[in-house]
Amino acid sequence: MRMRTALAPLGAMTLLAGLAFQAGAEPRNTVIMQGLDKVTARVSTFEAAIDQPVSFGALTITPRHCDRTPPEEAPESAAFLEIWEQKRGDEEALSLFNGWMFASSPALSALEHPVYDVWVLECVDREAGTAAPAEETNEQ
């Protein structure tokens, strides 16, 4: 028990060090994400500009911030996302996720939903109006 107590601060410091990349990270204006529809087994790749909502099934995803580490550091992208679900017949959307997602560790902060999985692939800079169209793949 004493060993666990002694290692707890070390674990917290390791987590904070991993998140400290934000200090040297460069903000980007577009998030590239992938989503899995578990019912149809379809994987879709889509982009969203900062503060511009994008739909994936019944979900509305709005990226609020996106950072990418500089080229001389280990590659990492992190995006702050707000994810809402609008169910048919409901007037009010339900907030499902509000937080940071990391491209290198999607399970660290994941959307927990019975039908959809969403994860961040990369943060990039795009000029206005040049977002790539959504791409759908069927990976099995």
C-alpha atoms as a PDB file:
ATOM      1  CA  MET A   1       0.000   0.000   0.000  1.00  0.00           C
ATOM      2  CA  ARG A   2       2.826   2.371   0.849  1.00  0.00           C
ATOM      3  CA  MET A   3       4.417   1.784  -2.585  1.00  0.00           C
ATOM      4  CA  ARG A   4       1.174   2.765  -4.356  1.00  0.00           C
ATOM      5  CA  THR A   5       0.969   5.965  -2.348  1.00  0.00           C
ATOM      6  CA  ALA A   6       4.569   6.810  -3.213  1.00  0.00           C
ATOM      7  CA  LEU A   7       4.025   6.166  -6.921  1.00  0.00           C
ATOM      8  CA  ALA A   8       0.779   8.149  -7.207  1.00  0.00           C
ATOM      9  CA  PRO A   9       2.521  11.560  -7.481  1.00  0.00           C
ATOM     10  CA  LEU A  10       4.927  10.091 -10.043  1.00  0.00           C
ATOM     11  CA  GLY A  11       1.999   8.906 -12.180  1.00  0.00           C
ATOM     12  CA  ALA A  12       0.361  12.324 -11.966  1.00  0.00           C
ATOM     13  CA  MET A  13       3.597  14.052 -12.969  1.00  0.00           C
ATOM     14  CA  THR A  14       4.031  11.686 -15.919  1.00  0.00           C
ATOM     15  CA  LEU A  15       0.520  12.493 -17.136  1.00  0.00           C
ATOM     16  CA  LEU A  16       1.128  16.219 -16.751  1.00  0.00           C
ATOM     17  CA  ALA A  17       4.431  15.936 -18.610  1.00  0.00           C
ATOM     18  CA  GLY A  18       2.644  14.183 -21.457  1.00  0.00           C
ATOM     19  CA  LEU A  19       0.090  16.964 -21.609  1.00  0.00           C
ATOM     20  CA  ALA A  20       2.767  19.655 -21.382  1.00  0.00           C
ATOM     21  CA  PHE A  21       3.304  19.429 -25.133  1.00  0.00           C
ATOM     22  CA  GLN A  22       0.625  22.114 -25.327  1.00  0.00           C
ATOM     23  CA  ALA A  23       3.226  24.720 -24.353  1.00  0.00           C
ATOM     24  CA  GLY A  24       5.263  24.179 -27.530  1.00  0.00           C
ATOM     25  CA  ALA A  25       2.349  23.145 -29.733  1.00  0.00           C
ATOM     26  CA  GLU A  26       1.274  25.210 -32.704  1.00  0.00           C
ATOM     27  CA  PRO A  27      -2.438  25.965 -33.173  1.00  0.00           C
ATOM     28  CA  ARG A  28      -4.036  24.742 -36.407  1.00  0.00           C
ATOM     29  CA  ASN A  29      -7.362  25.701 -37.982  1.00  0.00           C
ATOM     30  CA  THR A  30      -8.739  22.298 -39.049  1.00  0.00           C
ATOM     31  CA  VAL A  31      -9.208  18.920 -37.378  1.00  0.00           C
ATOM     32  CA  ILE A  32      -9.153  15.689 -39.384  1.00  0.00           C
ATOM     33  CA  MET A  33     -11.198  12.997 -37.643  1.00  0.00           C
ATOM     34  CA  GLN A  34     -12.476   9.514 -38.268  1.00  0.00           C
ATOM     35  CA  GLY A  35     -15.725   8.049 -37.132  1.00  0.00           C
ATOM     36  CA  LEU A  36     -17.000   4.504 -36.929  1.00  0.00           C
ATOM     37  CA  ASP A  37     -20.682   3.662 -37.244  1.00  0.00           C
ATOM     38  CA  LYS A  38     -20.810   0.399 -35.298  1.00  0.00           C
ATOM     39  CA  VAL A  39     -24.163  -0.610 -36.800  1.00  0.00           C
ATOM     40  CA  THR A  40     -23.037  -0.458 -40.445  1.00  0.00           C
ATOM     41  CA  ALA A  41     -19.299  -1.007 -39.772  1.00  0.00           C
ATOM     42  CA  ARG A  42     -18.504   2.028 -41.935  1.00  0.00           C
ATOM     43  CA  VAL A  43     -15.504   4.204 -41.193  1.00  0.00           C
ATOM     44  CA  SER A  44     -15.691   7.816 -42.380  1.00  0.00           C
ATOM     45  CA  THR A  45     -12.908  10.402 -42.496  1.00  0.00           C
ATOM     46  CA  PHE A  46     -14.025  14.011 -42.212  1.00  0.00           C
ATOM     47  CA  GLU A  47     -12.653  17.476 -41.483  1.00  0.00           C
ATOM     48  CA  ALA A  48     -13.981  20.355 -39.456  1.00  0.00           C
ATOM     49  CA  ALA A  49     -12.686  23.895 -39.182  1.00  0.00           C
ATOM     50  CA  ILE A  50     -12.383  25.389 -35.711  1.00  0.00           C
ATOM     51  CA  ASP A  51     -15.805  26.482 -34.372  1.00  0.00           C
ATOM     52  CA  GLN A  52     -17.585  24.968 -37.424  1.00  0.00           C
ATOM     53  CA  PRO A  53     -19.880  22.042 -36.569  1.00  0.00           C
ATOM     54  CA  VAL A  54     -19.814  18.894 -38.691  1.00  0.00           C
ATOM     55  CA  SER A  55     -22.351  16.052 -38.632  1.00  0.00           C
ATOM     56  CA  PHE A  56     -21.578  12.370 -38.361  1.00  0.00           C
ATOM     57  CA  GLY A  57     -24.724  10.285 -38.121  1.00  0.00           C
ATOM     58  CA  ALA A  58     -26.803  11.669 -35.265  1.00  0.00           C
ATOM     59  CA  LEU A  59     -23.740  13.431 -33.814  1.00  0.00           C
ATOM     60  CA  THR A  60     -22.749  17.066 -34.184  1.00  0.00           C
ATOM     61  CA  ILE A  61     -19.035  17.633 -33.589  1.00  0.00           C
ATOM     62  CA  THR A  62     -17.644  21.124 -33.025  1.00  0.00           C
ATOM     63  CA  PRO A  63     -13.876  21.518 -32.640  1.00  0.00           C
ATOM     64  CA  ARG A  64     -12.958  24.473 -30.413  1.00  0.00           C
ATOM     65  CA  HIS A  65      -9.162  24.222 -30.545  1.00  0.00           C
ATOM     66  CA  CYS A  66      -6.562  22.104 -32.321  1.00  0.00           C
ATOM     67  CA  ASP A  67      -2.811  21.906 -31.640  1.00  0.00           C
ATOM     68  CA  ARG A  68       0.031  20.059 -33.336  1.00  0.00           C
ATOM     69  CA  THR A  69       3.585  19.701 -32.080  1.00  0.00           C
ATOM     70  CA  PRO A  70       6.375  21.260 -34.152  1.00  0.00           C
ATOM     71  CA  PRO A  71       8.255  18.991 -36.591  1.00  0.00           C
ATOM     72  CA  GLU A  72      11.314  18.691 -34.334  1.00  0.00           C
ATOM     73  CA  GLU A  73       9.223  17.080 -31.552  1.00  0.00           C
ATOM     74  CA  ALA A  74       7.426  13.748 -31.396  1.00  0.00           C
ATOM     75  CA  PRO A  75       4.319  13.907 -33.606  1.00  0.00           C
ATOM     76  CA  GLU A  76       1.150  14.678 -31.672  1.00  0.00           C
ATOM     77  CA  SER A  77      -2.135  16.383 -32.418  1.00  0.00           C
ATOM     78  CA  ALA A  78      -4.746  17.258 -29.818  1.00  0.00           C
ATOM     79  CA  ALA A  79      -8.164  18.779 -30.326  1.00  0.00           C
ATOM     80  CA  PHE A  80     -10.734  20.143 -27.912  1.00  0.00           C
ATOM     81  CA  LEU A  81     -14.094  18.840 -29.125  1.00  0.00           C
ATOM     82  CA  GLU A  82     -17.728  19.305 -28.190  1.00  0.00           C
ATOM     83  CA  ILE A  83     -19.892  16.386 -29.319  1.00  0.00           C
ATOM     84  CA  TRP A  84     -23.684  16.461 -29.173  1.00  0.00           C
ATOM     85  CA  GLU A  85     -26.298  13.904 -30.157  1.00  0.00           C
ATOM     86  CA  GLN A  86     -29.627  14.906 -31.671  1.00  0.00           C
ATOM     87  CA  LYS A  87     -32.045  11.987 -31.403  1.00  0.00           C
ATOM     88  CA  ARG A  88     -35.065  11.857 -33.675  1.00  0.00           C
ATOM     89  CA  GLY A  89     -38.100  13.438 -32.103  1.00  0.00           C
ATOM     90  CA  ASP A  90     -36.088  15.156 -29.369  1.00  0.00           C
ATOM     91  CA  GLU A  91     -36.048  18.924 -29.406  1.00  0.00           C
ATOM     92  CA  GLU A  92     -32.983  19.185 -27.219  1.00  0.00           C
ATOM     93  CA  ALA A  93     -29.528  17.847 -28.110  1.00  0.00           C
ATOM     94  CA  LEU A  94     -27.685  15.749 -25.544  1.00  0.00           C
ATOM     95  CA  SER A  95     -24.065  16.627 -24.702  1.00  0.00           C
ATOM     96  CA  LEU A  96     -21.944  13.473 -25.012  1.00  0.00           C
ATOM     97  CA  PHE A  97     -18.362  14.709 -24.877  1.00  0.00           C
ATOM     98  CA  ASN A  98     -16.606  17.945 -24.027  1.00  0.00           C
ATOM     99  CA  GLY A  99     -12.824  17.709 -23.792  1.00  0.00           C
ATOM    100  CA  TRP A 100      -9.447  17.014 -25.361  1.00  0.00           C
ATOM    101  CA  MET A 101      -8.807  14.098 -27.698  1.00  0.00           C
ATOM    102  CA  PHE A 102      -5.250  13.048 -28.544  1.00  0.00           C
ATOM    103  CA  ALA A 103      -4.360  11.506 -31.904  1.00  0.00           C
ATOM    104  CA  SER A 104      -1.645   9.274 -30.441  1.00  0.00           C
ATOM    105  CA  SER A 105      -3.841   7.971 -27.595  1.00  0.00           C
ATOM    106  CA  PRO A 106      -7.483   7.821 -28.672  1.00  0.00           C
ATOM    107  CA  ALA A 107      -8.473   5.703 -25.663  1.00  0.00           C
ATOM    108  CA  LEU A 108      -7.076   8.262 -23.200  1.00  0.00           C
ATOM    109  CA  SER A 109     -10.074  10.523 -23.653  1.00  0.00           C
ATOM    110  CA  ALA A 110     -12.668   8.760 -25.780  1.00  0.00           C
ATOM    111  CA  LEU A 111     -16.271   9.281 -26.749  1.00  0.00           C
ATOM    112  CA  GLU A 112     -18.309   6.521 -25.123  1.00  0.00           C
ATOM    113  CA  HIS A 113     -21.328   5.824 -27.297  1.00  0.00           C
ATOM    114  CA  PRO A 114     -23.125   2.566 -28.191  1.00  0.00           C
ATOM    115  CA  VAL A 115     -23.358   3.370 -31.928  1.00  0.00           C
ATOM    116  CA  TYR A 116     -20.489   5.752 -32.781  1.00  0.00           C
ATOM    117  CA  ASP A 117     -16.758   6.035 -32.179  1.00  0.00           C
ATOM    118  CA  VAL A 118     -14.955   9.272 -33.078  1.00  0.00           C
ATOM    119  CA  TRP A 119     -11.226   9.956 -32.878  1.00  0.00           C
ATOM    120  CA  VAL A 120      -8.772  12.655 -33.942  1.00  0.00           C
ATOM    121  CA  LEU A 121      -6.281  11.859 -36.695  1.00  0.00           C
ATOM    122  CA  GLU A 122      -4.474  15.153 -37.162  1.00  0.00           C
ATOM    123  CA  CYS A 123      -4.572  18.922 -36.855  1.00  0.00           C
ATOM    124  CA  VAL A 124      -3.741  20.827 -40.041  1.00  0.00           C
ATOM    125  CA  ASP A 125      -3.910  24.306 -41.522  1.00  0.00           C
ATOM    126  CA  ARG A 126      -6.338  24.711 -44.413  1.00  0.00           C
ATOM    127  CA  GLU A 127      -7.250  27.825 -46.306  1.00  0.00           C
ATOM    128  CA  ALA A 128     -10.893  28.855 -46.025  1.00  0.00           C
ATOM    129  CA  GLY A 129     -13.136  26.791 -48.260  1.00  0.00           C
ATOM    130  CA  THR A 130     -10.574  24.061 -49.042  1.00  0.00           C
ATOM    131  CA  ALA A 131     -11.741  21.327 -46.683  1.00  0.00           C
ATOM    132  CA  ALA A 132     -11.505  17.871 -48.199  1.00  0.00           C
ATOM    133  CA  PRO A 133     -14.815  16.055 -48.765  1.00  0.00           C
ATOM    134  CA  ALA A 134     -15.840  13.356 -46.318  1.00  0.00           C
ATOM    135  CA  GLU A 135     -14.436   9.983 -47.243  1.00  0.00           C
ATOM    136  CA  GLU A 136     -16.159   6.741 -46.391  1.00  0.00           C
ATOM    137  CA  THR A 137     -14.373   3.420 -46.207  1.00  0.00           C
ATOM    138  CA  ASN A 138     -15.530  -0.027 -45.267  1.00  0.00           C
ATOM    139  CA  GLU A 139     -12.665  -1.534 -43.287  1.00  0.00           C
ATOM    140  CA  GLN A 140     -13.320  -4.969 -41.851  1.00  0.00           C
END
